[in-house]
Structures are given as structure tokens and as C-alpha cells.
Amino acid sequence: MSLTSGLHCPRTPLRRFLDRELGTGPKPLRESFRAQHATDQVLLPPPGVGTEVGTVGTAVDQRLRLAFTTASPLDSATLIGMAPAGHWPGPAGPAMRTVAHQPAAARLTETVHRLQLDNRSMPCDRTHEEEEDFARLLIAAAWYQVCARTPIGFAFTPLADTAREDPDAFTLDRLLSLPDPYMVADVAA
């Protein structure tokens, strides 16, 4: 007998429970929940972060994945996103491709292997500087993932904006300077 098969009969324990608890509809339950968890404060991202909260989540996911295995430091979504970024119109595309495929991918791979993130005999945390540098690399990789998932969204990332502004000055150092300090701190934490 499934739970839903007993809903039509008013004598089943589940139906009696639902009638007793929600007999007047979900409104009292919702009001009770809101009264118990009322807050007068709305939590918003700090200034300068905006919609980049999703990017931080992606970077944290990558960091956690790499704590379990470093067999593939660059995940497929990042690699897939690097290709269309490299074909972006104008000189920005080649600049993003050059930074992505040479120094960014190589540095991320080298950093993952150097830090031995999946080595259980080492402490989970690395030095603060190593974690911040690694966080910046992961955020940059997350921006390339945005390109794989939604090119329209990628057009508004700091990576794409900066590459369009000055493609000749778009280097790995410039890319790694883009993440907001709040974002870096969240990923490093």
C-alpha cells in the first residue's frame, strides 16, 4: 500500500492526520511557520558581488570534488566552456582562448597536483595564500563553465567584460585579479 493510495479514504491514518493538521488548508500551517521563523532582516550579497553568488557555489563544488579526486583537475564543463569563449566575436575571443588553454588550465592543473588535495595524509587546509590563489583559479574556471551553460550569462561575467574592454591586456594575472575579495574569501573558507 502506498501513501497516496490511502488519500481517497477518510478512514486511513494518513488521511485523518492530514485532515486534522491541514483541515483548514495550508494557510494556518504557513502562518505558524512564518511566525516561528520571522525575521526583519533580508540577507543580500555584499556590495560588488551581485549575481556572482552562483559562481562562488560552482567554485566551491569544484573545490569539494577535487578534495576527493584530482584525477581530472579541469572538469568537462570548464573545458567545454573554454571552446565557445575562444570563438567570441572580435579580439576578445582569441584573448580568452589564449588565457584559458595555456596559462589558466596549466596553472590550475599544476596547483591541484602541487597541493595534493586528495591526499588523506595531509591536512585539509593549505596555507591562506595557497587557498586564496586556488580560489581565484576555481572562480575563473567557474566563469568558463558559465559559457558552457549559458553564453548569454557569460557575456556579463567579469571575465568576458574585461576581455572585451582590453583584449591585449587580458592575461592570466589580469584574470586572477578579477574575483571580488568576498568571493575569494567564501571559496577559500
C-alpha atoms as a PDB file:
ATOM      1  CA  MET A   1       0.000   0.000   0.000  1.00  0.00           C
ATOM      2  CA  SER A   2       1.469   3.357  -0.979  1.00  0.00           C
ATOM      3  CA  LEU A   3       0.942   6.581   0.917  1.00  0.00           C
ATOM      4  CA  THR A   4      -1.025   8.145  -1.898  1.00  0.00           C
ATOM      5  CA  SER A   5      -3.383   5.183  -2.253  1.00  0.00           C
ATOM      6  CA  GLY A   6      -4.793   5.975   1.190  1.00  0.00           C
ATOM      7  CA  LEU A   7      -5.578   9.601   0.468  1.00  0.00           C
ATOM      8  CA  HIS A   8      -9.007   8.987  -1.044  1.00  0.00           C
ATOM      9  CA  CYS A   9     -10.364   7.124   2.013  1.00  0.00           C
ATOM     10  CA  PRO A  10     -11.180   9.349   5.042  1.00  0.00           C
ATOM     11  CA  ARG A  11     -10.544   6.453   7.489  1.00  0.00           C
ATOM     12  CA  THR A  12      -6.847   5.853   6.751  1.00  0.00           C
ATOM     13  CA  PRO A  13      -4.342   7.152   9.328  1.00  0.00           C
ATOM     14  CA  LEU A  14      -2.639   9.355   6.755  1.00  0.00           C
ATOM     15  CA  ARG A  15      -5.884  10.966   5.619  1.00  0.00           C
ATOM     16  CA  ARG A  16      -7.020  11.529   9.251  1.00  0.00           C
ATOM     17  CA  PHE A  17      -3.659  13.113  10.038  1.00  0.00           C
ATOM     18  CA  LEU A  18      -3.806  15.412   7.007  1.00  0.00           C
ATOM     19  CA  ASP A  19      -7.427  16.369   7.715  1.00  0.00           C
ATOM     20  CA  ARG A  20      -6.563  17.153  11.337  1.00  0.00           C
ATOM     21  CA  GLU A  21      -3.369  19.115  10.554  1.00  0.00           C
ATOM     22  CA  LEU A  22      -4.351  20.742   7.274  1.00  0.00           C
ATOM     23  CA  GLY A  23      -8.138  20.605   7.501  1.00  0.00           C
ATOM     24  CA  THR A  24      -8.414  24.349   7.031  1.00  0.00           C
ATOM     25  CA  GLY A  25      -5.886  24.347   4.218  1.00  0.00           C
ATOM     26  CA  PRO A  26      -2.196  25.169   4.263  1.00  0.00           C
ATOM     27  CA  LYS A  27      -2.654  28.797   5.322  1.00  0.00           C
ATOM     28  CA  PRO A  28      -2.571  28.230   9.135  1.00  0.00           C
ATOM     29  CA  LEU A  29       0.447  25.971   8.773  1.00  0.00           C
ATOM     30  CA  ARG A  30       2.232  28.570   6.629  1.00  0.00           C
ATOM     31  CA  GLU A  31       1.353  31.379   9.076  1.00  0.00           C
ATOM     32  CA  SER A  32       2.578  29.316  12.009  1.00  0.00           C
ATOM     33  CA  PHE A  33       5.872  28.598  10.237  1.00  0.00           C
ATOM     34  CA  ARG A  34       6.377  32.249   9.324  1.00  0.00           C
ATOM     35  CA  ALA A  35       5.587  33.369  12.884  1.00  0.00           C
ATOM     36  CA  GLN A  36       8.149  30.963  14.312  1.00  0.00           C
ATOM     37  CA  HIS A  37      10.809  31.942  11.804  1.00  0.00           C
ATOM     38  CA  ALA A  38      10.083  35.620  11.409  1.00  0.00           C
ATOM     39  CA  THR A  39      12.964  37.876  10.522  1.00  0.00           C
ATOM     40  CA  ASP A  40      13.143  41.566   9.888  1.00  0.00           C
ATOM     41  CA  GLN A  41      16.465  41.253   8.136  1.00  0.00           C
ATOM     42  CA  VAL A  42      16.896  40.336   4.491  1.00  0.00           C
ATOM     43  CA  LEU A  43      20.290  38.850   3.704  1.00  0.00           C
ATOM     44  CA  LEU A  44      21.736  40.233   0.495  1.00  0.00           C
ATOM     45  CA  PRO A  45      25.134  39.688  -1.069  1.00  0.00           C
ATOM     46  CA  PRO A  46      27.699  42.305  -0.082  1.00  0.00           C
ATOM     47  CA  PRO A  47      28.429  45.199  -2.453  1.00  0.00           C
ATOM     48  CA  GLY A  48      30.232  44.178  -5.617  1.00  0.00           C
ATOM     49  CA  VAL A  49      29.036  40.571  -5.595  1.00  0.00           C
ATOM     50  CA  GLY A  50      25.580  40.694  -7.197  1.00  0.00           C
ATOM     51  CA  THR A  51      24.701  37.601  -9.206  1.00  0.00           C
ATOM     52  CA  GLU A  52      28.174  36.108  -8.753  1.00  0.00           C
ATOM     53  CA  VAL A  53      26.899  34.055  -5.836  1.00  0.00           C
ATOM     54  CA  GLY A  54      26.260  31.175  -8.264  1.00  0.00           C
ATOM     55  CA  THR A  55      29.851  31.397  -9.449  1.00  0.00           C
ATOM     56  CA  VAL A  56      31.031  31.001  -5.866  1.00  0.00           C
ATOM     57  CA  GLY A  57      28.821  27.929  -5.496  1.00  0.00           C
ATOM     58  CA  THR A  58      30.308  26.388  -8.629  1.00  0.00           C
ATOM     59  CA  ALA A  59      33.848  27.105  -7.423  1.00  0.00           C
ATOM     60  CA  VAL A  60      33.078  25.562  -4.017  1.00  0.00           C
ATOM     61  CA  ASP A  61      31.646  22.481  -5.755  1.00  0.00           C
ATOM     62  CA  GLN A  62      34.854  22.158  -7.761  1.00  0.00           C
ATOM     63  CA  ARG A  63      36.953  22.530  -4.605  1.00  0.00           C
ATOM     64  CA  LEU A  64      34.981  19.779  -2.888  1.00  0.00           C
ATOM     65  CA  ARG A  65      35.228  17.487  -5.928  1.00  0.00           C
ATOM     66  CA  LEU A  66      38.992  17.963  -6.005  1.00  0.00           C
ATOM     67  CA  ALA A  67      39.226  17.040  -2.320  1.00  0.00           C
ATOM     68  CA  PHE A  68      38.031  13.565  -3.303  1.00  0.00           C
ATOM     69  CA  THR A  69      39.934  13.076  -6.534  1.00  0.00           C
ATOM     70  CA  THR A  70      42.457  15.056  -8.511  1.00  0.00           C
ATOM     71  CA  ALA A  71      42.456  12.667 -11.461  1.00  0.00           C
ATOM     72  CA  SER A  72      40.895  15.344 -13.672  1.00  0.00           C
ATOM     73  CA  PRO A  73      41.695  18.838 -12.346  1.00  0.00           C
ATOM     74  CA  LEU A  74      39.706  20.502 -15.126  1.00  0.00           C
ATOM     75  CA  ASP A  75      36.158  19.225 -15.233  1.00  0.00           C
ATOM     76  CA  SER A  76      34.325  18.746 -18.514  1.00  0.00           C
ATOM     77  CA  ALA A  77      32.066  21.810 -18.090  1.00  0.00           C
ATOM     78  CA  THR A  78      35.113  24.064 -17.776  1.00  0.00           C
ATOM     79  CA  LEU A  79      36.773  22.517 -20.810  1.00  0.00           C
ATOM     80  CA  ILE A  80      33.558  22.747 -22.816  1.00  0.00           C
ATOM     81  CA  GLY A  81      33.135  26.408 -21.840  1.00  0.00           C
ATOM     82  CA  MET A  82      36.646  27.325 -22.931  1.00  0.00           C
ATOM     83  CA  ALA A  83      35.884  26.450 -26.558  1.00  0.00           C
ATOM     84  CA  PRO A  84      32.969  28.844 -27.184  1.00  0.00           C
ATOM     85  CA  ALA A  85      34.702  31.558 -25.152  1.00  0.00           C
ATOM     86  CA  GLY A  86      37.583  31.290 -27.595  1.00  0.00           C
ATOM     87  CA  HIS A  87      35.227  31.899 -30.512  1.00  0.00           C
ATOM     88  CA  TRP A  88      33.707  35.034 -29.008  1.00  0.00           C
ATOM     89  CA  PRO A  89      33.351  37.795 -31.615  1.00  0.00           C
ATOM     90  CA  GLY A  90      36.147  40.268 -32.077  1.00  0.00           C
ATOM     91  CA  PRO A  91      39.574  40.182 -30.470  1.00  0.00           C
ATOM     92  CA  ALA A  92      38.140  39.185 -27.067  1.00  0.00           C
ATOM     93  CA  GLY A  93      37.630  35.567 -28.177  1.00  0.00           C
ATOM     94  CA  PRO A  94      41.243  34.817 -29.066  1.00  0.00           C
ATOM     95  CA  ALA A  95      42.370  36.574 -25.878  1.00  0.00           C
ATOM     96  CA  MET A  96      40.069  34.412 -23.742  1.00  0.00           C
ATOM     97  CA  ARG A  97      41.170  31.267 -25.610  1.00  0.00           C
ATOM     98  CA  THR A  98      44.858  32.082 -25.154  1.00  0.00           C
ATOM     99  CA  VAL A  99      44.463  32.656 -21.419  1.00  0.00           C
ATOM    100  CA  ALA A 100      42.188  29.654 -20.924  1.00  0.00           C
ATOM    101  CA  HIS A 101      44.041  26.948 -22.805  1.00  0.00           C
ATOM    102  CA  GLN A 102      47.603  27.861 -21.940  1.00  0.00           C
ATOM    103  CA  PRO A 103      48.295  29.522 -18.613  1.00  0.00           C
ATOM    104  CA  ALA A 104      44.959  29.107 -16.796  1.00  0.00           C
ATOM    105  CA  ALA A 105      44.461  25.399 -17.478  1.00  0.00           C
ATOM    106  CA  ALA A 106      48.137  24.639 -16.900  1.00  0.00           C
ATOM    107  CA  ARG A 107      48.278  26.621 -13.654  1.00  0.00           C
ATOM    108  CA  LEU A 108      45.082  25.071 -12.304  1.00  0.00           C
ATOM    109  CA  THR A 109      46.370  21.580 -13.082  1.00  0.00           C
ATOM    110  CA  GLU A 110      49.785  22.329 -11.580  1.00  0.00           C
ATOM    111  CA  THR A 111      48.212  23.839  -8.451  1.00  0.00           C
ATOM    112  CA  VAL A 112      45.895  20.868  -7.918  1.00  0.00           C
ATOM    113  CA  HIS A 113      48.770  18.400  -8.198  1.00  0.00           C
ATOM    114  CA  ARG A 114      51.137  20.512  -6.074  1.00  0.00           C
ATOM    115  CA  LEU A 115      48.599  20.918  -3.261  1.00  0.00           C
ATOM    116  CA  GLN A 116      47.730  17.196  -3.314  1.00  0.00           C
ATOM    117  CA  LEU A 117      44.157  17.991  -2.379  1.00  0.00           C
ATOM    118  CA  ASP A 118      43.062  14.354  -2.273  1.00  0.00           C
ATOM    119  CA  ASN A 119      45.997  13.193  -0.142  1.00  0.00           C
ATOM    120  CA  ARG A 120      44.399  11.984   3.103  1.00  0.00           C
ATOM    121  CA  SER A 121      47.701  12.044   4.992  1.00  0.00           C
ATOM    122  CA  MET A 122      47.878  15.843   4.636  1.00  0.00           C
ATOM    123  CA  PRO A 123      45.708  18.389   6.443  1.00  0.00           C
ATOM    124  CA  CYS A 124      42.586  19.508   4.544  1.00  0.00           C
ATOM    125  CA  ASP A 125      43.563  23.160   4.699  1.00  0.00           C
ATOM    126  CA  ARG A 126      46.557  24.626   2.952  1.00  0.00           C
ATOM    127  CA  THR A 127      48.170  27.974   3.700  1.00  0.00           C
ATOM    128  CA  HIS A 128      45.934  31.021   3.393  1.00  0.00           C
ATOM    129  CA  GLU A 129      47.843  32.287   0.353  1.00  0.00           C
ATOM    130  CA  GLU A 130      47.590  28.914  -1.390  1.00  0.00           C
ATOM    131  CA  GLU A 131      43.860  28.715  -0.688  1.00  0.00           C
ATOM    132  CA  GLU A 132      43.235  32.258  -1.985  1.00  0.00           C
ATOM    133  CA  ASP A 133      45.259  31.657  -5.147  1.00  0.00           C
ATOM    134  CA  PHE A 134      43.447  28.367  -5.688  1.00  0.00           C
ATOM    135  CA  ALA A 135      40.079  30.049  -5.067  1.00  0.00           C
ATOM    136  CA  ARG A 136      40.829  32.623  -7.775  1.00  0.00           C
ATOM    137  CA  LEU A 137      41.668  29.826 -10.227  1.00  0.00           C
ATOM    138  CA  LEU A 138      38.450  27.995  -9.372  1.00  0.00           C
ATOM    139  CA  ILE A 139      36.357  31.147  -9.826  1.00  0.00           C
ATOM    140  CA  ALA A 140      37.931  31.729 -13.235  1.00  0.00           C
ATOM    141  CA  ALA A 141      37.151  28.110 -14.165  1.00  0.00           C
ATOM    142  CA  ALA A 142      33.578  28.642 -12.965  1.00  0.00           C
ATOM    143  CA  TRP A 143      33.230  31.635 -15.308  1.00  0.00           C
ATOM    144  CA  TYR A 144      34.254  29.414 -18.214  1.00  0.00           C
ATOM    145  CA  GLN A 145      31.612  26.931 -17.047  1.00  0.00           C
ATOM    146  CA  VAL A 146      29.020  29.698 -17.354  1.00  0.00           C
ATOM    147  CA  CYS A 147      29.974  29.921 -21.030  1.00  0.00           C
ATOM    148  CA  ALA A 148      29.234  26.204 -21.420  1.00  0.00           C
ATOM    149  CA  ARG A 149      25.860  26.529 -19.729  1.00  0.00           C
ATOM    150  CA  THR A 150      24.566  29.881 -20.917  1.00  0.00           C
ATOM    151  CA  PRO A 151      26.505  32.064 -23.342  1.00  0.00           C
ATOM    152  CA  ILE A 152      24.121  34.937 -22.637  1.00  0.00           C
ATOM    153  CA  GLY A 153      25.040  34.825 -18.950  1.00  0.00           C
ATOM    154  CA  PHE A 154      28.716  34.515 -19.812  1.00  0.00           C
ATOM    155  CA  ALA A 155      28.555  37.826 -21.679  1.00  0.00           C
ATOM    156  CA  PHE A 156      28.021  39.569 -18.326  1.00  0.00           C
ATOM    157  CA  THR A 157      30.769  37.862 -16.345  1.00  0.00           C
ATOM    158  CA  PRO A 158      33.784  39.892 -15.243  1.00  0.00           C
ATOM    159  CA  LEU A 159      35.920  37.590 -17.414  1.00  0.00           C
ATOM    160  CA  ALA A 160      34.051  38.464 -20.636  1.00  0.00           C
ATOM    161  CA  ASP A 161      33.695  42.151 -19.708  1.00  0.00           C
ATOM    162  CA  THR A 162      37.425  42.537 -19.089  1.00  0.00           C
ATOM    163  CA  ALA A 163      38.438  40.627 -22.223  1.00  0.00           C
ATOM    164  CA  ARG A 164      36.159  42.857 -24.326  1.00  0.00           C
ATOM    165  CA  GLU A 165      37.435  46.067 -22.696  1.00  0.00           C
ATOM    166  CA  ASP A 166      41.095  45.446 -23.461  1.00  0.00           C
ATOM    167  CA  PRO A 167      41.894  42.133 -25.180  1.00  0.00           C
ATOM    168  CA  ASP A 168      45.600  42.950 -25.488  1.00  0.00           C
ATOM    169  CA  ALA A 169      45.948  43.361 -21.714  1.00  0.00           C
ATOM    170  CA  PHE A 170      43.919  40.239 -20.903  1.00  0.00           C
ATOM    171  CA  THR A 171      46.419  37.907 -19.229  1.00  0.00           C
ATOM    172  CA  LEU A 172      46.256  35.243 -16.564  1.00  0.00           C
ATOM    173  CA  ASP A 173      47.318  37.776 -13.928  1.00  0.00           C
ATOM    174  CA  ARG A 174      44.533  40.103 -15.047  1.00  0.00           C
ATOM    175  CA  LEU A 175      42.023  37.251 -14.957  1.00  0.00           C
ATOM    176  CA  LEU A 176      43.055  36.225 -11.446  1.00  0.00           C
ATOM    177  CA  SER A 177      42.714  39.810 -10.220  1.00  0.00           C
ATOM    178  CA  LEU A 178      39.036  39.937 -11.238  1.00  0.00           C
ATOM    179  CA  PRO A 179      37.294  37.930  -8.477  1.00  0.00           C
ATOM    180  CA  ASP A 180      35.874  40.105  -5.733  1.00  0.00           C
ATOM    181  CA  PRO A 181      37.638  39.600  -2.358  1.00  0.00           C
ATOM    182  CA  TYR A 182      34.324  38.453  -0.850  1.00  0.00           C
ATOM    183  CA  MET A 183      34.054  35.724  -3.460  1.00  0.00           C
ATOM    184  CA  VAL A 184      37.631  34.597  -2.877  1.00  0.00           C
ATOM    185  CA  ALA A 185      37.101  34.538   0.893  1.00  0.00           C
ATOM    186  CA  ASP A 186      33.931  32.445   0.534  1.00  0.00           C
ATOM    187  CA  VAL A 187      35.624  29.847  -1.675  1.00  0.00           C
ATOM    188  CA  ALA A 188      38.762  29.747   0.466  1.00  0.00           C
ATOM    189  CA  ALA A 189      36.692  29.287   3.618  1.00  0.00           C
END
